[in-house]
Amino acid sequence: MSKPGAHFESSDCIMSPATEEFLSRFGGLDVGNNGPGLERTRERFDLEPMLCSGEEDRFVELSGLMERDLFPIGTFGGLRYFLAIDGNAEVYLIEADLQTIGHMPDALDAKVLVESRAG
């Protein structure tokens, strides 16, 4: 995994201690389980922040709207969505809007459990 801190911070994305901890534990994780599931389709996710490069303005704008620092942590659904984390370790799914998928560690547990049950 490349070092995303300086790259994104130069565009005003702020890497919180929660982001640093998350990336030190999960950065580089690539779960490529696309395919049918029992209740829904399994989706690939990749915890590589540099896959969000070029979208810095999106994270900065949403950070201002949310009044919290969002930092890119990867992609979900084969680059269809971006993933971000805030200073409270809440993980967000971003497309044209913003949705929370929960606080860590439950956010990842929920994604992995849903995908593993479907597999």
C-alpha atoms as a PDB file:
ATOM      1  CA  MET A   1       0.000   0.000   0.000  1.00  0.00           C
ATOM      2  CA  SER A   2       1.334   3.440  -0.849  1.00  0.00           C
ATOM      3  CA  LYS A   3       1.482   6.278   1.710  1.00  0.00           C
ATOM      4  CA  PRO A   4      -1.722   8.298   1.196  1.00  0.00           C
ATOM      5  CA  GLY A   5      -1.306  10.821   4.015  1.00  0.00           C
ATOM      6  CA  ALA A   6       0.829  13.433   2.263  1.00  0.00           C
ATOM      7  CA  HIS A   7      -0.962  12.972  -1.067  1.00  0.00           C
ATOM      8  CA  PHE A   8      -4.439  13.676   0.312  1.00  0.00           C
ATOM      9  CA  GLU A   9      -3.398  16.139   3.019  1.00  0.00           C
ATOM     10  CA  SER A  10      -1.884  18.356   0.311  1.00  0.00           C
ATOM     11  CA  SER A  11      -5.482  18.677  -0.969  1.00  0.00           C
ATOM     12  CA  ASP A  12      -6.854  19.556   2.508  1.00  0.00           C
ATOM     13  CA  CYS A  13      -8.024  16.049   3.419  1.00  0.00           C
ATOM     14  CA  ILE A  14      -7.125  15.566   7.091  1.00  0.00           C
ATOM     15  CA  MET A  15      -5.820  12.202   8.267  1.00  0.00           C
ATOM     16  CA  SER A  16      -7.007  11.682  11.852  1.00  0.00           C
ATOM     17  CA  PRO A  17      -5.476   9.263  14.362  1.00  0.00           C
ATOM     18  CA  ALA A  18      -8.495   6.999  13.726  1.00  0.00           C
ATOM     19  CA  THR A  19      -7.642   6.981  10.010  1.00  0.00           C
ATOM     20  CA  GLU A  20      -3.996   6.186  10.703  1.00  0.00           C
ATOM     21  CA  GLU A  21      -4.978   3.298  12.966  1.00  0.00           C
ATOM     22  CA  PHE A  22      -7.528   1.974  10.458  1.00  0.00           C
ATOM     23  CA  LEU A  23      -5.054   2.066   7.570  1.00  0.00           C
ATOM     24  CA  SER A  24      -2.270   0.507   9.645  1.00  0.00           C
ATOM     25  CA  ARG A  25      -4.589  -2.430  10.402  1.00  0.00           C
ATOM     26  CA  PHE A  26      -6.612  -2.800   7.199  1.00  0.00           C
ATOM     27  CA  GLY A  27      -4.886  -0.734   4.496  1.00  0.00           C
ATOM     28  CA  GLY A  28      -4.253  -2.770   1.370  1.00  0.00           C
ATOM     29  CA  LEU A  29      -7.015  -5.297   2.105  1.00  0.00           C
ATOM     30  CA  ASP A  30      -8.687  -6.334  -1.143  1.00  0.00           C
ATOM     31  CA  VAL A  31     -11.805  -8.514  -0.893  1.00  0.00           C
ATOM     32  CA  GLY A  32     -12.812  -9.525  -4.390  1.00  0.00           C
ATOM     33  CA  ASN A  33     -15.882 -11.651  -3.759  1.00  0.00           C
ATOM     34  CA  ASN A  34     -18.142 -10.502  -6.576  1.00  0.00           C
ATOM     35  CA  GLY A  35     -21.020 -12.784  -7.396  1.00  0.00           C
ATOM     36  CA  PRO A  36     -24.399 -14.031  -6.266  1.00  0.00           C
ATOM     37  CA  GLY A  37     -25.247 -14.256  -2.586  1.00  0.00           C
ATOM     38  CA  LEU A  38     -28.138 -15.625  -0.568  1.00  0.00           C
ATOM     39  CA  GLU A  39     -29.835 -12.303   0.165  1.00  0.00           C
ATOM     40  CA  ARG A  40     -27.938  -9.884  -2.061  1.00  0.00           C
ATOM     41  CA  THR A  41     -25.054  -9.746  -4.478  1.00  0.00           C
ATOM     42  CA  ARG A  42     -21.594  -9.859  -2.917  1.00  0.00           C
ATOM     43  CA  GLU A  43     -19.573  -6.739  -3.631  1.00  0.00           C
ATOM     44  CA  ARG A  44     -15.841  -6.289  -3.954  1.00  0.00           C
ATOM     45  CA  PHE A  45     -14.093  -3.747  -1.709  1.00  0.00           C
ATOM     46  CA  ASP A  46     -10.512  -2.553  -1.704  1.00  0.00           C
ATOM     47  CA  LEU A  47      -9.024  -0.617   1.212  1.00  0.00           C
ATOM     48  CA  GLU A  48      -6.427   1.294  -0.809  1.00  0.00           C
ATOM     49  CA  PRO A  49      -6.832   5.075  -0.427  1.00  0.00           C
ATOM     50  CA  MET A  50      -4.885   5.862  -3.593  1.00  0.00           C
ATOM     51  CA  LEU A  51      -7.771   4.382  -5.618  1.00  0.00           C
ATOM     52  CA  CYS A  52      -9.604   7.601  -4.616  1.00  0.00           C
ATOM     53  CA  SER A  53      -6.887   9.822  -6.075  1.00  0.00           C
ATOM     54  CA  GLY A  54      -8.391  12.550  -8.231  1.00  0.00           C
ATOM     55  CA  GLU A  55     -11.501  12.742  -6.032  1.00  0.00           C
ATOM     56  CA  GLU A  56      -9.954  14.832  -3.258  1.00  0.00           C
ATOM     57  CA  ASP A  57     -12.380  17.711  -3.872  1.00  0.00           C
ATOM     58  CA  ARG A  58     -15.305  15.352  -3.200  1.00  0.00           C
ATOM     59  CA  PHE A  59     -13.915  14.397   0.221  1.00  0.00           C
ATOM     60  CA  VAL A  60     -13.074  18.016   1.113  1.00  0.00           C
ATOM     61  CA  GLU A  61     -16.577  19.198   0.096  1.00  0.00           C
ATOM     62  CA  LEU A  62     -18.330  16.421   2.026  1.00  0.00           C
ATOM     63  CA  SER A  63     -16.107  17.092   5.045  1.00  0.00           C
ATOM     64  CA  GLY A  64     -17.330  20.684   5.068  1.00  0.00           C
ATOM     65  CA  LEU A  65     -20.964  19.662   4.675  1.00  0.00           C
ATOM     66  CA  MET A  66     -20.706  17.049   7.424  1.00  0.00           C
ATOM     67  CA  GLU A  67     -18.579  19.241   9.690  1.00  0.00           C
ATOM     68  CA  ARG A  68     -16.178  16.341  10.217  1.00  0.00           C
ATOM     69  CA  ASP A  69     -12.953  15.327   8.525  1.00  0.00           C
ATOM     70  CA  LEU A  70     -13.512  12.561   5.988  1.00  0.00           C
ATOM     71  CA  PHE A  71     -10.454  10.769   4.664  1.00  0.00           C
ATOM     72  CA  PRO A  72     -10.559   8.350   1.713  1.00  0.00           C
ATOM     73  CA  ILE A  73      -9.816   4.728   2.614  1.00  0.00           C
ATOM     74  CA  GLY A  74     -10.722   2.851  -0.569  1.00  0.00           C
ATOM     75  CA  THR A  75     -13.452   1.735  -2.908  1.00  0.00           C
ATOM     76  CA  PHE A  76     -16.498  -0.513  -2.802  1.00  0.00           C
ATOM     77  CA  GLY A  77     -18.365  -2.269  -5.587  1.00  0.00           C
ATOM     78  CA  GLY A  78     -15.562  -2.274  -8.146  1.00  0.00           C
ATOM     79  CA  LEU A  79     -14.878   1.501  -8.066  1.00  0.00           C
ATOM     80  CA  ARG A  80     -18.604   2.410  -8.103  1.00  0.00           C
ATOM     81  CA  TYR A  81     -18.404   3.864  -4.608  1.00  0.00           C
ATOM     82  CA  PHE A  82     -15.729   5.451  -2.464  1.00  0.00           C
ATOM     83  CA  LEU A  83     -15.128   4.632   1.189  1.00  0.00           C
ATOM     84  CA  ALA A  84     -14.153   7.239   3.779  1.00  0.00           C
ATOM     85  CA  ILE A  85     -13.568   7.320   7.520  1.00  0.00           C
ATOM     86  CA  ASP A  86     -13.968  10.212   9.951  1.00  0.00           C
ATOM     87  CA  GLY A  87     -12.106  11.094  13.135  1.00  0.00           C
ATOM     88  CA  ASN A  88     -14.547   8.994  15.196  1.00  0.00           C
ATOM     89  CA  ALA A  89     -13.797   5.862  13.101  1.00  0.00           C
ATOM     90  CA  GLU A  90     -17.197   5.991  11.384  1.00  0.00           C
ATOM     91  CA  VAL A  91     -16.982   4.543   7.868  1.00  0.00           C
ATOM     92  CA  TYR A  92     -18.936   6.072   4.982  1.00  0.00           C
ATOM     93  CA  LEU A  93     -20.028   4.841   1.564  1.00  0.00           C
ATOM     94  CA  ILE A  94     -19.897   7.692  -0.948  1.00  0.00           C
ATOM     95  CA  GLU A  95     -21.433   8.003  -4.393  1.00  0.00           C
ATOM     96  CA  ALA A  96     -23.297  11.172  -5.245  1.00  0.00           C
ATOM     97  CA  ASP A  97     -24.400  11.285  -1.621  1.00  0.00           C
ATOM     98  CA  LEU A  98     -23.050  10.073   1.711  1.00  0.00           C
ATOM     99  CA  GLN A  99     -24.195   7.128   3.831  1.00  0.00           C
ATOM    100  CA  THR A 100     -22.732   5.734   7.020  1.00  0.00           C
ATOM    101  CA  ILE A 101     -22.149   2.012   7.286  1.00  0.00           C
ATOM    102  CA  GLY A 102     -21.360   2.181  11.005  1.00  0.00           C
ATOM    103  CA  HIS A 103     -18.568   2.629  13.519  1.00  0.00           C
ATOM    104  CA  MET A 104     -15.449   0.521  13.573  1.00  0.00           C
ATOM    105  CA  PRO A 105     -15.022  -2.326  14.176  1.00  0.00           C
ATOM    106  CA  ASP A 106     -18.705  -3.103  13.505  1.00  0.00           C
ATOM    107  CA  ALA A 107     -18.663  -1.433  10.071  1.00  0.00           C
ATOM    108  CA  LEU A 108     -16.149  -3.896   8.628  1.00  0.00           C
ATOM    109  CA  ASP A 109     -17.538  -6.817  10.607  1.00  0.00           C
ATOM    110  CA  ALA A 110     -20.969  -6.221   9.067  1.00  0.00           C
ATOM    111  CA  LYS A 111     -19.557  -6.057   5.528  1.00  0.00           C
ATOM    112  CA  VAL A 112     -17.403  -9.162   5.972  1.00  0.00           C
ATOM    113  CA  LEU A 113     -20.167 -11.163   7.703  1.00  0.00           C
ATOM    114  CA  VAL A 114     -22.721 -10.356   5.017  1.00  0.00           C
ATOM    115  CA  GLU A 115     -20.266 -11.335   2.316  1.00  0.00           C
ATOM    116  CA  SER A 116     -19.053 -14.501   4.055  1.00  0.00           C
ATOM    117  CA  ARG A 117     -22.634 -15.675   4.732  1.00  0.00           C
ATOM    118  CA  ALA A 118     -23.510 -15.097   1.095  1.00  0.00           C
ATOM    119  CA  GLY A 119     -20.486 -17.125  -0.038  1.00  0.00           C
END
